Amino acid sequence: MNLRPVGPMPLSGQIHRQLMDAILDGTLTGTLPSERELAETFGANRHAVREAIKRLQQGKLVEVNQGGATRVLPVADHAGLDLLPELVTARGALNDEATVGVLELRACIGADAARLCAERSPSVGTQLLDLLPNAAMPDAELAATSAAYWTAVVTGTNSLPYRLALNTLLAGLEAIGDSPAAKHFMTALRDESRRAAELEELAHAIARAEGPAAREAASRLLNSSIAAVRSM
């Protein structure tokens, strides 16, 4: 674990980022140093350290024992999907394995959501035809249109858990997009979002209530980004 003094405010956010990165890459295990030791290491006050540890606790990365040591928890056993952006862009660099994992999760959910939407809400297909991209769309509008398209598909499943999973993925992708390290990753997603013919094919499959065809169309489209990222 290589901790270093932090810069200007907000101190707690910088401390949290360093400790979280160290937990995620496995260099910080066992128990955390005491608040006093961390404050000295970071060149910060104990309040900032305490706030950083509280955020780690909220993210289920550590277990705080009152009057005892703060224990680092195994990430795979305790953390949630809200950690995905940090996994993908840990220490300012793109984590290839985590990036592909996020896209694989997205492809699985998206493909099955398309099938369920076709079976349960085929009328959504007509709505999707109004959400097809065009070549002149700027990136920001393209991202909003793509989010609206897939939100309509997942909403058509009539499944709250799927909708909540989509919310997490969209929030994660938005957070990832703010990182310079994710430039090529976001380019692959934009390229996928511009594939109007395939999005139209999916919309028609849903409108015809053809679940297997909708699943296949969505899987083919979403897996294209996985192939693109792997080739980077």
C-alpha atoms as a PDB file:
ATOM      1  CA  MET A   1       0.000   0.000   0.000  1.00  0.00           C
ATOM      2  CA  ASN A   2       1.505   3.321  -1.102  1.00  0.00           C
ATOM      3  CA  LEU A   3      -0.291   6.184   0.648  1.00  0.00           C
ATOM      4  CA  ARG A   4       0.818   9.773   0.161  1.00  0.00           C
ATOM      5  CA  PRO A   5      -0.086  13.236   1.524  1.00  0.00           C
ATOM      6  CA  VAL A   6      -3.210  14.675  -0.088  1.00  0.00           C
ATOM      7  CA  GLY A   7      -3.655  18.024  -1.812  1.00  0.00           C
ATOM      8  CA  PRO A   8      -6.325  20.731  -1.454  1.00  0.00           C
ATOM      9  CA  MET A   9      -9.961  20.229  -0.460  1.00  0.00           C
ATOM     10  CA  PRO A  10     -12.010  18.135  -0.330  1.00  0.00           C
ATOM     11  CA  LEU A  11      -9.638  16.126   1.809  1.00  0.00           C
ATOM     12  CA  SER A  12     -12.087  13.391   2.743  1.00  0.00           C
ATOM     13  CA  GLY A  13     -12.797  12.626  -0.920  1.00  0.00           C
ATOM     14  CA  GLN A  14      -9.105  12.325  -1.743  1.00  0.00           C
ATOM     15  CA  ILE A  15      -8.462  10.114   1.260  1.00  0.00           C
ATOM     16  CA  HIS A  16     -11.440   7.937   0.393  1.00  0.00           C
ATOM     17  CA  ARG A  17     -10.208   7.556  -3.194  1.00  0.00           C
ATOM     18  CA  GLN A  18      -6.731   6.462  -2.128  1.00  0.00           C
ATOM     19  CA  LEU A  19      -7.977   4.000   0.461  1.00  0.00           C
ATOM     20  CA  MET A  20     -10.602   2.595  -1.900  1.00  0.00           C
ATOM     21  CA  ASP A  21      -8.059   2.115  -4.705  1.00  0.00           C
ATOM     22  CA  ALA A  22      -5.748   0.317  -2.287  1.00  0.00           C
ATOM     23  CA  ILE A  23      -8.585  -1.983  -1.195  1.00  0.00           C
ATOM     24  CA  LEU A  24      -9.643  -2.696  -4.766  1.00  0.00           C
ATOM     25  CA  ASP A  25      -6.148  -3.546  -5.995  1.00  0.00           C
ATOM     26  CA  GLY A  26      -5.479  -5.739  -2.961  1.00  0.00           C
ATOM     27  CA  THR A  27      -2.629  -3.706  -1.465  1.00  0.00           C
ATOM     28  CA  LEU A  28      -4.723  -2.819   1.585  1.00  0.00           C
ATOM     29  CA  THR A  29      -6.039  -5.853   3.444  1.00  0.00           C
ATOM     30  CA  GLY A  30      -6.602  -6.932   7.023  1.00  0.00           C
ATOM     31  CA  THR A  31      -7.220  -3.854   9.153  1.00  0.00           C
ATOM     32  CA  LEU A  32      -6.886  -0.146   8.500  1.00  0.00           C
ATOM     33  CA  PRO A  33      -4.276   1.884  10.378  1.00  0.00           C
ATOM     34  CA  SER A  34      -5.740   3.977  13.181  1.00  0.00           C
ATOM     35  CA  GLU A  35      -7.337   7.369  12.449  1.00  0.00           C
ATOM     36  CA  ARG A  36      -4.327   9.063  14.012  1.00  0.00           C
ATOM     37  CA  GLU A  37      -1.868   7.128  11.840  1.00  0.00           C
ATOM     38  CA  LEU A  38      -3.876   7.811   8.688  1.00  0.00           C
ATOM     39  CA  ALA A  39      -4.146  11.510   9.516  1.00  0.00           C
ATOM     40  CA  GLU A  40      -0.364  11.693   9.872  1.00  0.00           C
ATOM     41  CA  THR A  41       0.199   9.763   6.642  1.00  0.00           C
ATOM     42  CA  PHE A  42      -2.160  11.906   4.607  1.00  0.00           C
ATOM     43  CA  GLY A  43      -1.209  15.184   6.261  1.00  0.00           C
ATOM     44  CA  ALA A  44      -4.871  15.754   7.062  1.00  0.00           C
ATOM     45  CA  ASN A  45      -7.089  16.170  10.109  1.00  0.00           C
ATOM     46  CA  ARG A  46      -8.812  13.224  11.759  1.00  0.00           C
ATOM     47  CA  HIS A  47     -12.267  14.507  10.822  1.00  0.00           C
ATOM     48  CA  ALA A  48     -11.426  14.144   7.118  1.00  0.00           C
ATOM     49  CA  VAL A  49     -10.091  10.649   7.746  1.00  0.00           C
ATOM     50  CA  ARG A  50     -13.219   9.747   9.692  1.00  0.00           C
ATOM     51  CA  GLU A  51     -15.456  10.947   6.849  1.00  0.00           C
ATOM     52  CA  ALA A  52     -13.446   8.913   4.332  1.00  0.00           C
ATOM     53  CA  ILE A  53     -13.761   5.771   6.447  1.00  0.00           C
ATOM     54  CA  LYS A  54     -17.501   6.390   6.790  1.00  0.00           C
ATOM     55  CA  ARG A  55     -17.802   6.378   2.997  1.00  0.00           C
ATOM     56  CA  LEU A  56     -15.843   3.133   2.822  1.00  0.00           C
ATOM     57  CA  GLN A  57     -18.218   1.675   5.384  1.00  0.00           C
ATOM     58  CA  GLN A  58     -21.255   2.819   3.367  1.00  0.00           C
ATOM     59  CA  GLY A  59     -19.782   1.116   0.330  1.00  0.00           C
ATOM     60  CA  LYS A  60     -19.325  -2.078   2.385  1.00  0.00           C
ATOM     61  CA  LEU A  61     -15.575  -2.042   1.852  1.00  0.00           C
ATOM     62  CA  VAL A  62     -14.759  -1.917   5.557  1.00  0.00           C
ATOM     63  CA  GLU A  63     -16.368  -2.945   8.832  1.00  0.00           C
ATOM     64  CA  VAL A  64     -16.027  -0.403  11.608  1.00  0.00           C
ATOM     65  CA  ASN A  65     -15.857  -1.881  15.101  1.00  0.00           C
ATOM     66  CA  GLN A  66     -16.467   0.685  17.809  1.00  0.00           C
ATOM     67  CA  GLY A  67     -13.431   0.783  20.054  1.00  0.00           C
ATOM     68  CA  GLY A  68     -11.610  -1.730  17.864  1.00  0.00           C
ATOM     69  CA  ALA A  69      -9.852  -2.008  14.544  1.00  0.00           C
ATOM     70  CA  THR A  70     -11.558  -1.234  11.240  1.00  0.00           C
ATOM     71  CA  ARG A  71     -11.502  -4.395   9.143  1.00  0.00           C
ATOM     72  CA  VAL A  72     -11.184  -4.438   5.349  1.00  0.00           C
ATOM     73  CA  LEU A  73     -13.955  -6.598   3.838  1.00  0.00           C
ATOM     74  CA  PRO A  74     -13.591  -8.901   0.821  1.00  0.00           C
ATOM     75  CA  VAL A  75     -14.927  -6.873  -2.113  1.00  0.00           C
ATOM     76  CA  ALA A  76     -16.578  -9.791  -3.915  1.00  0.00           C
ATOM     77  CA  ASP A  77     -18.448 -10.865  -0.780  1.00  0.00           C
ATOM     78  CA  HIS A  78     -19.807  -7.523   0.377  1.00  0.00           C
ATOM     79  CA  ALA A  79     -19.705  -4.683  -2.190  1.00  0.00           C
ATOM     80  CA  GLY A  80     -22.537  -3.797  -4.586  1.00  0.00           C
ATOM     81  CA  LEU A  81     -22.918  -2.775  -8.215  1.00  0.00           C
ATOM     82  CA  ASP A  82     -22.467   0.892  -7.306  1.00  0.00           C
ATOM     83  CA  LEU A  83     -18.753   0.104  -7.100  1.00  0.00           C
ATOM     84  CA  LEU A  84     -18.511  -0.637 -10.842  1.00  0.00           C
ATOM     85  CA  PRO A  85     -17.272   2.818 -11.945  1.00  0.00           C
ATOM     86  CA  GLU A  86     -14.427   2.683  -9.439  1.00  0.00           C
ATOM     87  CA  LEU A  87     -13.484  -0.828 -10.554  1.00  0.00           C
ATOM     88  CA  VAL A  88     -13.414   0.176 -14.210  1.00  0.00           C
ATOM     89  CA  THR A  89     -11.302   3.308 -13.731  1.00  0.00           C
ATOM     90  CA  ALA A  90      -9.227   2.466 -10.669  1.00  0.00           C
ATOM     91  CA  ARG A  91      -6.213   4.751 -10.163  1.00  0.00           C
ATOM     92  CA  GLY A  92      -7.106   6.730 -13.288  1.00  0.00           C
ATOM     93  CA  ALA A  93      -6.501   3.807 -15.657  1.00  0.00           C
ATOM     94  CA  LEU A  94      -9.016   1.596 -17.422  1.00  0.00           C
ATOM     95  CA  ASN A  95      -9.274  -1.893 -15.932  1.00  0.00           C
ATOM     96  CA  ASP A  96      -9.774  -4.110 -18.985  1.00  0.00           C
ATOM     97  CA  GLU A  97     -11.162  -7.083 -17.075  1.00  0.00           C
ATOM     98  CA  ALA A  98     -13.691  -5.005 -15.151  1.00  0.00           C
ATOM     99  CA  THR A  99     -14.686  -3.079 -18.287  1.00  0.00           C
ATOM    100  CA  VAL A 100     -15.488  -6.250 -20.201  1.00  0.00           C
ATOM    101  CA  GLY A 101     -17.320  -7.591 -17.152  1.00  0.00           C
ATOM    102  CA  VAL A 102     -19.590  -4.535 -17.043  1.00  0.00           C
ATOM    103  CA  LEU A 103     -20.374  -4.914 -20.736  1.00  0.00           C
ATOM    104  CA  GLU A 104     -21.061  -8.632 -20.329  1.00  0.00           C
ATOM    105  CA  LEU A 105     -23.492  -7.903 -17.501  1.00  0.00           C
ATOM    106  CA  ARG A 106     -25.134  -5.230 -19.636  1.00  0.00           C
ATOM    107  CA  ALA A 107     -25.450  -7.598 -22.597  1.00  0.00           C
ATOM    108  CA  CYS A 108     -27.043 -10.345 -20.497  1.00  0.00           C
ATOM    109  CA  ILE A 109     -29.579  -8.012 -18.908  1.00  0.00           C
ATOM    110  CA  GLY A 110     -30.292  -6.164 -22.162  1.00  0.00           C
ATOM    111  CA  ALA A 111     -30.852  -9.297 -24.223  1.00  0.00           C
ATOM    112  CA  ASP A 112     -33.243 -10.874 -21.747  1.00  0.00           C
ATOM    113  CA  ALA A 113     -34.998  -7.548 -21.185  1.00  0.00           C
ATOM    114  CA  ALA A 114     -35.618  -7.329 -24.942  1.00  0.00           C
ATOM    115  CA  ARG A 115     -37.191 -10.805 -24.895  1.00  0.00           C
ATOM    116  CA  LEU A 116     -39.434  -9.978 -21.949  1.00  0.00           C
ATOM    117  CA  CYS A 117     -40.409  -6.641 -23.463  1.00  0.00           C
ATOM    118  CA  ALA A 118     -41.478  -8.359 -26.700  1.00  0.00           C
ATOM    119  CA  GLU A 119     -43.512 -10.913 -24.782  1.00  0.00           C
ATOM    120  CA  ARG A 120     -45.112  -8.523 -22.306  1.00  0.00           C
ATOM    121  CA  SER A 121     -45.216  -5.079 -23.943  1.00  0.00           C
ATOM    122  CA  PRO A 122     -44.959  -5.315 -27.753  1.00  0.00           C
ATOM    123  CA  SER A 123     -46.467  -1.849 -28.117  1.00  0.00           C
ATOM    124  CA  VAL A 124     -43.095  -0.489 -26.914  1.00  0.00           C
ATOM    125  CA  GLY A 125     -41.690  -1.397 -30.339  1.00  0.00           C
ATOM    126  CA  THR A 126     -43.464   1.565 -31.928  1.00  0.00           C
ATOM    127  CA  GLN A 127     -42.066   3.879 -29.260  1.00  0.00           C
ATOM    128  CA  LEU A 128     -38.558   2.604 -29.967  1.00  0.00           C
ATOM    129  CA  LEU A 129     -38.821   3.549 -33.639  1.00  0.00           C
ATOM    130  CA  ASP A 130     -39.089   7.169 -32.524  1.00  0.00           C
ATOM    131  CA  LEU A 131     -35.836   6.814 -30.577  1.00  0.00           C
ATOM    132  CA  LEU A 132     -33.553   5.751 -33.418  1.00  0.00           C
ATOM    133  CA  PRO A 133     -30.335   7.775 -33.815  1.00  0.00           C
ATOM    134  CA  ASN A 134     -29.323   9.724 -36.877  1.00  0.00           C
ATOM    135  CA  ALA A 135     -25.892  10.537 -38.220  1.00  0.00           C
ATOM    136  CA  ALA A 136     -26.120  14.215 -37.286  1.00  0.00           C
ATOM    137  CA  MET A 137     -26.755  13.663 -33.587  1.00  0.00           C
ATOM    138  CA  PRO A 138     -24.094  15.206 -31.307  1.00  0.00           C
ATOM    139  CA  ASP A 139     -22.641  12.907 -28.668  1.00  0.00           C
ATOM    140  CA  ALA A 140     -24.697  14.295 -25.781  1.00  0.00           C
ATOM    141  CA  GLU A 141     -27.976  13.874 -27.641  1.00  0.00           C
ATOM    142  CA  LEU A 142     -26.920  10.419 -28.807  1.00  0.00           C
ATOM    143  CA  ALA A 143     -26.250   9.335 -25.220  1.00  0.00           C
ATOM    144  CA  ALA A 144     -29.629  10.650 -24.054  1.00  0.00           C
ATOM    145  CA  THR A 145     -31.435   8.954 -26.940  1.00  0.00           C
ATOM    146  CA  SER A 146     -29.680   5.653 -26.306  1.00  0.00           C
ATOM    147  CA  ALA A 147     -30.543   5.828 -22.599  1.00  0.00           C
ATOM    148  CA  ALA A 148     -34.185   6.549 -23.455  1.00  0.00           C
ATOM    149  CA  TYR A 149     -34.261   3.631 -25.914  1.00  0.00           C
ATOM    150  CA  TRP A 150     -32.974   1.060 -23.446  1.00  0.00           C
ATOM    151  CA  THR A 151     -35.036   2.520 -20.606  1.00  0.00           C
ATOM    152  CA  ALA A 152     -38.145   1.943 -22.731  1.00  0.00           C
ATOM    153  CA  VAL A 153     -37.065  -1.656 -23.424  1.00  0.00           C
ATOM    154  CA  VAL A 154     -36.414  -2.439 -19.759  1.00  0.00           C
ATOM    155  CA  THR A 155     -39.562  -0.651 -18.595  1.00  0.00           C
ATOM    156  CA  GLY A 156     -41.463  -2.875 -21.023  1.00  0.00           C
ATOM    157  CA  THR A 157     -40.400  -5.940 -19.042  1.00  0.00           C
ATOM    158  CA  ASN A 158     -42.667  -4.804 -16.198  1.00  0.00           C
ATOM    159  CA  SER A 159     -39.869  -5.928 -13.879  1.00  0.00           C
ATOM    160  CA  LEU A 160     -38.780  -3.564 -11.125  1.00  0.00           C
ATOM    161  CA  PRO A 161     -35.532  -5.488 -10.420  1.00  0.00           C
ATOM    162  CA  TYR A 162     -34.517  -5.153 -14.088  1.00  0.00           C
ATOM    163  CA  ARG A 163     -35.343  -1.451 -13.967  1.00  0.00           C
ATOM    164  CA  LEU A 164     -33.225  -0.978 -10.858  1.00  0.00           C
ATOM    165  CA  ALA A 165     -30.349  -2.862 -12.483  1.00  0.00           C
ATOM    166  CA  LEU A 166     -30.595  -0.533 -15.475  1.00  0.00           C
ATOM    167  CA  ASN A 167     -30.484   2.512 -13.200  1.00  0.00           C
ATOM    168  CA  THR A 168     -27.263   1.224 -11.664  1.00  0.00           C
ATOM    169  CA  LEU A 169     -25.688   0.525 -15.041  1.00  0.00           C
ATOM    170  CA  LEU A 170     -26.656   3.925 -16.459  1.00  0.00           C
ATOM    171  CA  ALA A 171     -25.281   5.710 -13.395  1.00  0.00           C
ATOM    172  CA  GLY A 172     -22.100   3.684 -13.644  1.00  0.00           C
ATOM    173  CA  LEU A 173     -21.650   4.442 -17.346  1.00  0.00           C
ATOM    174  CA  GLU A 174     -22.190   8.135 -16.668  1.00  0.00           C
ATOM    175  CA  ALA A 175     -19.536   8.095 -13.960  1.00  0.00           C
ATOM    176  CA  ILE A 176     -17.127   6.142 -16.148  1.00  0.00           C
ATOM    177  CA  GLY A 177     -17.633   8.622 -18.962  1.00  0.00           C
ATOM    178  CA  ASP A 178     -16.170  11.413 -16.834  1.00  0.00           C
ATOM    179  CA  SER A 179     -12.802   9.648 -16.700  1.00  0.00           C
ATOM    180  CA  PRO A 180     -10.177  10.433 -19.367  1.00  0.00           C
ATOM    181  CA  ALA A 181      -9.075   6.809 -19.096  1.00  0.00           C
ATOM    182  CA  ALA A 182     -12.446   5.673 -20.467  1.00  0.00           C
ATOM    183  CA  LYS A 183     -12.224   7.564 -23.777  1.00  0.00           C
ATOM    184  CA  HIS A 184     -11.967   4.455 -25.982  1.00  0.00           C
ATOM    185  CA  PHE A 185     -14.574   2.636 -23.909  1.00  0.00           C
ATOM    186  CA  MET A 186     -17.089   5.434 -24.430  1.00  0.00           C
ATOM    187  CA  THR A 187     -16.221   5.596 -28.139  1.00  0.00           C
ATOM    188  CA  ALA A 188     -17.217   1.924 -28.463  1.00  0.00           C
ATOM    189  CA  LEU A 189     -20.558   2.624 -26.780  1.00  0.00           C
ATOM    190  CA  ARG A 190     -21.225   5.624 -29.024  1.00  0.00           C
ATOM    191  CA  ASP A 191     -20.472   3.510 -32.089  1.00  0.00           C
ATOM    192  CA  GLU A 192     -22.988   0.947 -30.848  1.00  0.00           C
ATOM    193  CA  SER A 193     -25.591   3.654 -30.250  1.00  0.00           C
ATOM    194  CA  ARG A 194     -25.286   4.853 -33.849  1.00  0.00           C
ATOM    195  CA  ARG A 195     -26.179   1.441 -35.313  1.00  0.00           C
ATOM    196  CA  ALA A 196     -29.653   2.547 -36.330  1.00  0.00           C
ATOM    197  CA  ALA A 197     -30.405  -0.428 -38.576  1.00  0.00           C
ATOM    198  CA  GLU A 198     -29.827  -2.926 -35.756  1.00  0.00           C
ATOM    199  CA  LEU A 199     -31.774  -0.830 -33.263  1.00  0.00           C
ATOM    200  CA  GLU A 200     -34.617  -0.685 -35.773  1.00  0.00           C
ATOM    201  CA  GLU A 201     -34.476  -4.464 -36.238  1.00  0.00           C
ATOM    202  CA  LEU A 202     -34.797  -4.897 -32.468  1.00  0.00           C
ATOM    203  CA  ALA A 203     -37.722  -2.467 -32.336  1.00  0.00           C
ATOM    204  CA  HIS A 204     -39.581  -4.397 -35.042  1.00  0.00           C
ATOM    205  CA  ALA A 205     -38.949  -7.737 -33.296  1.00  0.00           C
ATOM    206  CA  ILE A 206     -40.444  -6.311 -30.107  1.00  0.00           C
ATOM    207  CA  ALA A 207     -43.405  -4.842 -32.003  1.00  0.00           C
ATOM    208  CA  ARG A 208     -44.103  -8.288 -33.514  1.00  0.00           C
ATOM    209  CA  ALA A 209     -43.992  -9.839 -30.016  1.00  0.00           C
ATOM    210  CA  GLU A 210     -41.166 -12.142 -31.127  1.00  0.00           C
ATOM    211  CA  GLY A 211     -39.271 -12.759 -27.891  1.00  0.00           C
ATOM    212  CA  PRO A 212     -36.460 -15.006 -29.197  1.00  0.00           C
ATOM    213  CA  ALA A 213     -35.833 -12.717 -32.182  1.00  0.00           C
ATOM    214  CA  ALA A 214     -35.725  -9.667 -29.925  1.00  0.00           C
ATOM    215  CA  ARG A 215     -33.286 -11.399 -27.596  1.00  0.00           C
ATOM    216  CA  GLU A 216     -31.029 -12.369 -30.491  1.00  0.00           C
ATOM    217  CA  ALA A 217     -31.070  -8.858 -31.993  1.00  0.00           C
ATOM    218  CA  ALA A 218     -30.255  -7.240 -28.656  1.00  0.00           C
ATOM    219  CA  SER A 219     -27.537  -9.763 -27.865  1.00  0.00           C
ATOM    220  CA  ARG A 220     -25.858  -9.264 -31.222  1.00  0.00           C
ATOM    221  CA  LEU A 221     -25.927  -5.482 -30.835  1.00  0.00           C
ATOM    222  CA  LEU A 222     -24.738  -5.335 -27.236  1.00  0.00           C
ATOM    223  CA  ASN A 223     -22.016  -7.912 -27.734  1.00  0.00           C
ATOM    224  CA  SER A 224     -20.569  -5.797 -30.540  1.00  0.00           C
ATOM    225  CA  SER A 225     -19.273  -3.366 -27.910  1.00  0.00           C
ATOM    226  CA  ILE A 226     -17.622  -6.190 -25.996  1.00  0.00           C
ATOM    227  CA  ALA A 227     -15.760  -7.227 -29.135  1.00  0.00           C
ATOM    228  CA  ALA A 228     -14.784  -3.608 -29.811  1.00  0.00           C
ATOM    229  CA  VAL A 229     -13.420  -3.044 -26.304  1.00  0.00           C
ATOM    230  CA  ARG A 230     -11.489  -6.329 -26.382  1.00  0.00           C
ATOM    231  CA  SER A 231      -9.828  -5.291 -29.631  1.00  0.00           C
ATOM    232  CA  MET A 232      -8.539  -1.993 -28.179  1.00  0.00           C
END
